[in-house]
Amino acid sequence: MATFEDWRDVDLGKLAKKAAALATAFRVVSALVRMDYEILFKDLIAAAAFDWKHPEFTRIQVLRHIFEYGQRTIRFEVIYFRRVVTAEEALFEMGACGLRPATLLELLAFAAKYRNMQLQFPVVCLGTELEILGFKGYAFLDELAGGRALDISFNNIGWSELCLFLAVKK
């Protein structure tokens, strides 16, 4: 955690300019989805009807959203950064714009409604961190051999400039 001492040599003018540049560094498209926060993970996987999914997703038996209950329509913000970004950079920029990353369950609901988007661009979900054999990863939707795929990336270098990121207003 940063302390006041860590920030004393920071040029506040440069920091303000960088923050302003970050706020305009991407485009946003909105998409509405009716979300059932009480549905089970396996049922959302079935509803999304993927042609392929990472084998780890078959091991998840029960996953529910713990902060939301019931059904409601939510507005997803589909974010395009126009450059390679790390997960940390994407999370920072989302937070600066009053957004939080979509969870895995929200990603699956999005995938069930907007089936063809992932055939054009990978769609990344940073709201649920997955840990497999000690490695941190994030779920994403992608195209694989012309079909729809649900995969996990353990990439900590950066996400391609082709990726879209799914977010929700805080």
Protein backbone atom coordinates (compact mmCIF):
# COMPACT_ATOMS: atom_id res chain seq x y z
CA MET A 1 0.00 0.00 0.00
CA ALA A 2 1.34 3.42 -0.90
CA THR A 3 2.01 5.87 1.92
CA PHE A 4 2.11 9.65 1.85
CA GLU A 5 5.91 9.42 1.77
CA ASP A 6 5.72 7.41 -1.48
CA TRP A 7 3.87 10.27 -3.19
CA ARG A 8 5.87 13.30 -2.04
CA ASP A 9 8.12 13.37 -5.16
CA VAL A 10 5.29 12.83 -7.66
CA ASP A 11 4.76 15.65 -10.17
CA LEU A 12 1.04 16.31 -9.65
CA GLY A 13 0.75 18.16 -12.96
CA LYS A 14 2.06 15.17 -14.92
CA LEU A 15 -0.14 12.84 -12.90
CA ALA A 16 -3.24 14.95 -13.65
CA LYS A 17 -2.43 14.97 -17.39
CA LYS A 18 -1.93 11.21 -17.39
CA ALA A 19 -5.25 10.69 -15.57
CA ALA A 20 -7.04 12.92 -18.11
CA ALA A 21 -5.47 10.95 -20.98
CA LEU A 22 -6.57 7.67 -19.40
CA ALA A 23 -10.17 8.84 -19.13
CA THR A 24 -10.32 9.42 -22.89
CA ALA A 25 -8.21 6.45 -23.94
CA PHE A 26 -11.07 4.15 -24.90
CA ARG A 27 -14.47 3.98 -26.48
CA VAL A 28 -17.52 2.50 -24.78
CA VAL A 29 -20.57 0.74 -26.21
CA SER A 30 -23.52 -0.17 -23.96
CA ALA A 31 -25.40 -3.46 -24.04
CA LEU A 32 -28.47 -4.42 -21.99
CA VAL A 33 -28.84 -7.92 -20.54
CA ARG A 34 -31.51 -9.39 -18.27
CA MET A 35 -29.43 -10.92 -15.46
CA ASP A 36 -30.62 -13.62 -13.06
CA TYR A 37 -28.20 -13.48 -10.15
CA GLU A 38 -29.59 -16.66 -8.61
CA ILE A 39 -28.92 -18.96 -11.56
CA LEU A 40 -26.21 -21.59 -11.16
CA PHE A 41 -22.93 -21.45 -13.05
CA LYS A 42 -23.58 -24.74 -14.88
CA ASP A 43 -26.94 -23.42 -16.11
CA LEU A 44 -25.34 -20.23 -17.46
CA ILE A 45 -22.68 -22.30 -19.22
CA ALA A 46 -25.46 -24.36 -20.84
CA ALA A 47 -27.42 -21.23 -21.83
CA ALA A 48 -24.35 -19.71 -23.49
CA ALA A 49 -23.91 -22.89 -25.61
CA PHE A 50 -20.16 -22.70 -26.19
CA ASP A 51 -18.53 -24.87 -28.82
CA TRP A 52 -15.50 -25.26 -26.54
CA LYS A 53 -14.64 -24.34 -22.96
CA HIS A 54 -11.46 -24.59 -20.92
CA PRO A 55 -11.49 -27.90 -18.97
CA GLU A 56 -11.29 -26.02 -15.64
CA PHE A 57 -14.83 -24.72 -16.16
CA THR A 58 -16.19 -28.28 -15.92
CA ARG A 59 -14.76 -28.52 -12.39
CA ILE A 60 -16.76 -25.57 -11.11
CA GLN A 61 -19.96 -27.03 -9.68
CA VAL A 62 -21.68 -24.22 -7.77
CA LEU A 63 -20.89 -20.56 -8.25
CA ARG A 64 -23.37 -17.84 -7.39
CA HIS A 65 -23.02 -14.08 -7.32
CA ILE A 66 -22.69 -13.15 -3.65
CA PHE A 67 -23.42 -9.42 -3.88
CA GLU A 68 -26.53 -9.39 -6.04
CA TYR A 69 -29.79 -11.30 -5.77
CA GLY A 70 -32.84 -11.76 -7.94
CA GLN A 71 -33.30 -10.61 -11.51
CA ARG A 72 -32.68 -7.23 -13.08
CA THR A 73 -31.63 -5.68 -16.33
CA ILE A 74 -28.07 -4.44 -16.24
CA ARG A 75 -26.19 -2.23 -18.65
CA PHE A 76 -22.83 -3.62 -19.64
CA GLU A 77 -20.20 -1.21 -20.85
CA VAL A 78 -18.09 -2.85 -23.55
CA ILE A 79 -14.71 -1.12 -23.42
CA TYR A 80 -12.11 -0.94 -26.15
CA PHE A 81 -8.75 0.51 -25.03
CA ARG A 82 -7.19 0.69 -28.53
CA ARG A 83 -3.87 -0.59 -27.15
CA VAL A 84 -2.27 -3.43 -25.22
CA VAL A 85 -3.20 -3.16 -21.52
CA THR A 86 -2.43 -5.20 -18.43
CA ALA A 87 -5.25 -6.33 -16.16
CA GLU A 88 -4.10 -3.78 -13.57
CA GLU A 89 -4.22 -0.91 -16.10
CA ALA A 90 -7.67 -1.94 -17.31
CA LEU A 91 -9.00 -2.19 -13.73
CA PHE A 92 -7.54 1.22 -12.87
CA GLU A 93 -9.07 2.88 -15.90
CA MET A 94 -12.46 1.25 -15.32
CA GLY A 95 -12.43 2.44 -11.70
CA ALA A 96 -11.49 5.98 -12.77
CA CYS A 97 -14.64 6.02 -14.93
CA GLY A 98 -16.96 4.73 -12.19
CA LEU A 99 -17.04 1.19 -13.59
CA ARG A 100 -16.29 -2.20 -12.09
CA PRO A 101 -15.26 -5.25 -14.10
CA ALA A 102 -18.00 -7.76 -14.92
CA THR A 103 -17.98 -11.02 -12.96
CA LEU A 104 -17.76 -14.45 -14.53
CA LEU A 105 -21.50 -15.01 -14.11
CA GLU A 106 -22.21 -11.67 -15.78
CA LEU A 107 -19.85 -12.58 -18.63
CA LEU A 108 -21.79 -15.80 -19.21
CA ALA A 109 -25.13 -13.95 -19.26
CA PHE A 110 -23.63 -11.51 -21.78
CA ALA A 111 -22.35 -14.44 -23.89
CA ALA A 112 -25.79 -16.05 -23.91
CA LYS A 113 -27.41 -12.90 -25.31
CA TYR A 114 -24.68 -11.52 -27.60
CA ARG A 115 -23.48 -14.77 -29.13
CA ASN A 116 -21.61 -13.38 -32.13
CA MET A 117 -19.56 -10.60 -30.54
CA GLN A 118 -16.81 -13.01 -29.45
CA LEU A 119 -16.47 -14.25 -33.02
CA GLN A 120 -15.22 -10.76 -33.92
CA PHE A 121 -13.29 -9.75 -30.78
CA PRO A 122 -12.12 -11.46 -27.58
CA VAL A 123 -14.25 -10.27 -24.62
CA VAL A 124 -12.40 -10.18 -21.29
CA CYS A 125 -13.86 -10.53 -17.78
CA LEU A 126 -11.64 -9.14 -15.01
CA GLY A 127 -14.25 -9.25 -12.21
CA THR A 128 -13.59 -12.85 -11.20
CA GLU A 129 -10.01 -13.86 -10.64
CA LEU A 130 -9.46 -17.58 -11.15
CA GLU A 131 -6.59 -19.42 -9.50
CA ILE A 132 -5.52 -22.71 -10.99
CA LEU A 133 -2.43 -24.55 -9.75
CA GLY A 134 -1.20 -21.32 -8.17
CA PHE A 135 -1.54 -19.25 -11.35
CA LYS A 136 -3.86 -16.24 -11.52
CA GLY A 137 -6.07 -16.04 -14.58
CA TYR A 138 -9.16 -14.39 -16.04
CA ALA A 139 -11.99 -15.76 -18.16
CA PHE A 140 -12.55 -14.47 -21.66
CA LEU A 141 -14.77 -15.20 -24.64
CA ASP A 142 -13.07 -15.87 -27.95
CA GLU A 143 -13.36 -17.51 -31.36
CA LEU A 144 -11.76 -20.92 -31.81
CA ALA A 145 -11.83 -22.65 -35.21
CA GLY A 146 -14.91 -20.64 -36.18
CA GLY A 147 -16.78 -21.56 -32.98
CA ARG A 148 -17.50 -19.84 -29.68
CA ALA A 149 -15.03 -20.52 -26.85
CA LEU A 150 -14.84 -19.78 -23.13
CA ASP A 151 -11.20 -19.74 -22.13
CA ILE A 152 -8.85 -18.69 -19.34
CA SER A 153 -5.78 -16.52 -19.83
CA PHE A 154 -2.88 -16.57 -17.41
CA ASN A 155 -1.32 -13.70 -19.33
CA ASN A 156 0.21 -11.11 -17.01
CA ILE A 157 2.07 -9.27 -19.77
CA GLY A 158 -0.92 -7.57 -21.37
CA TRP A 159 -4.15 -8.09 -23.28
CA SER A 160 -4.09 -7.57 -27.04
CA GLU A 161 -5.30 -4.31 -28.54
CA LEU A 162 -8.06 -6.39 -30.17
CA CYS A 163 -9.67 -7.26 -26.81
CA LEU A 164 -12.89 -5.81 -25.47
CA PHE A 165 -13.45 -5.60 -21.70
CA LEU A 166 -16.81 -6.06 -20.03
CA ALA A 167 -17.70 -3.65 -17.20
CA VAL A 168 -20.72 -2.52 -15.17
CA LYS A 169 -21.38 0.81 -13.42
CA LYS A 170 -20.47 0.74 -9.73
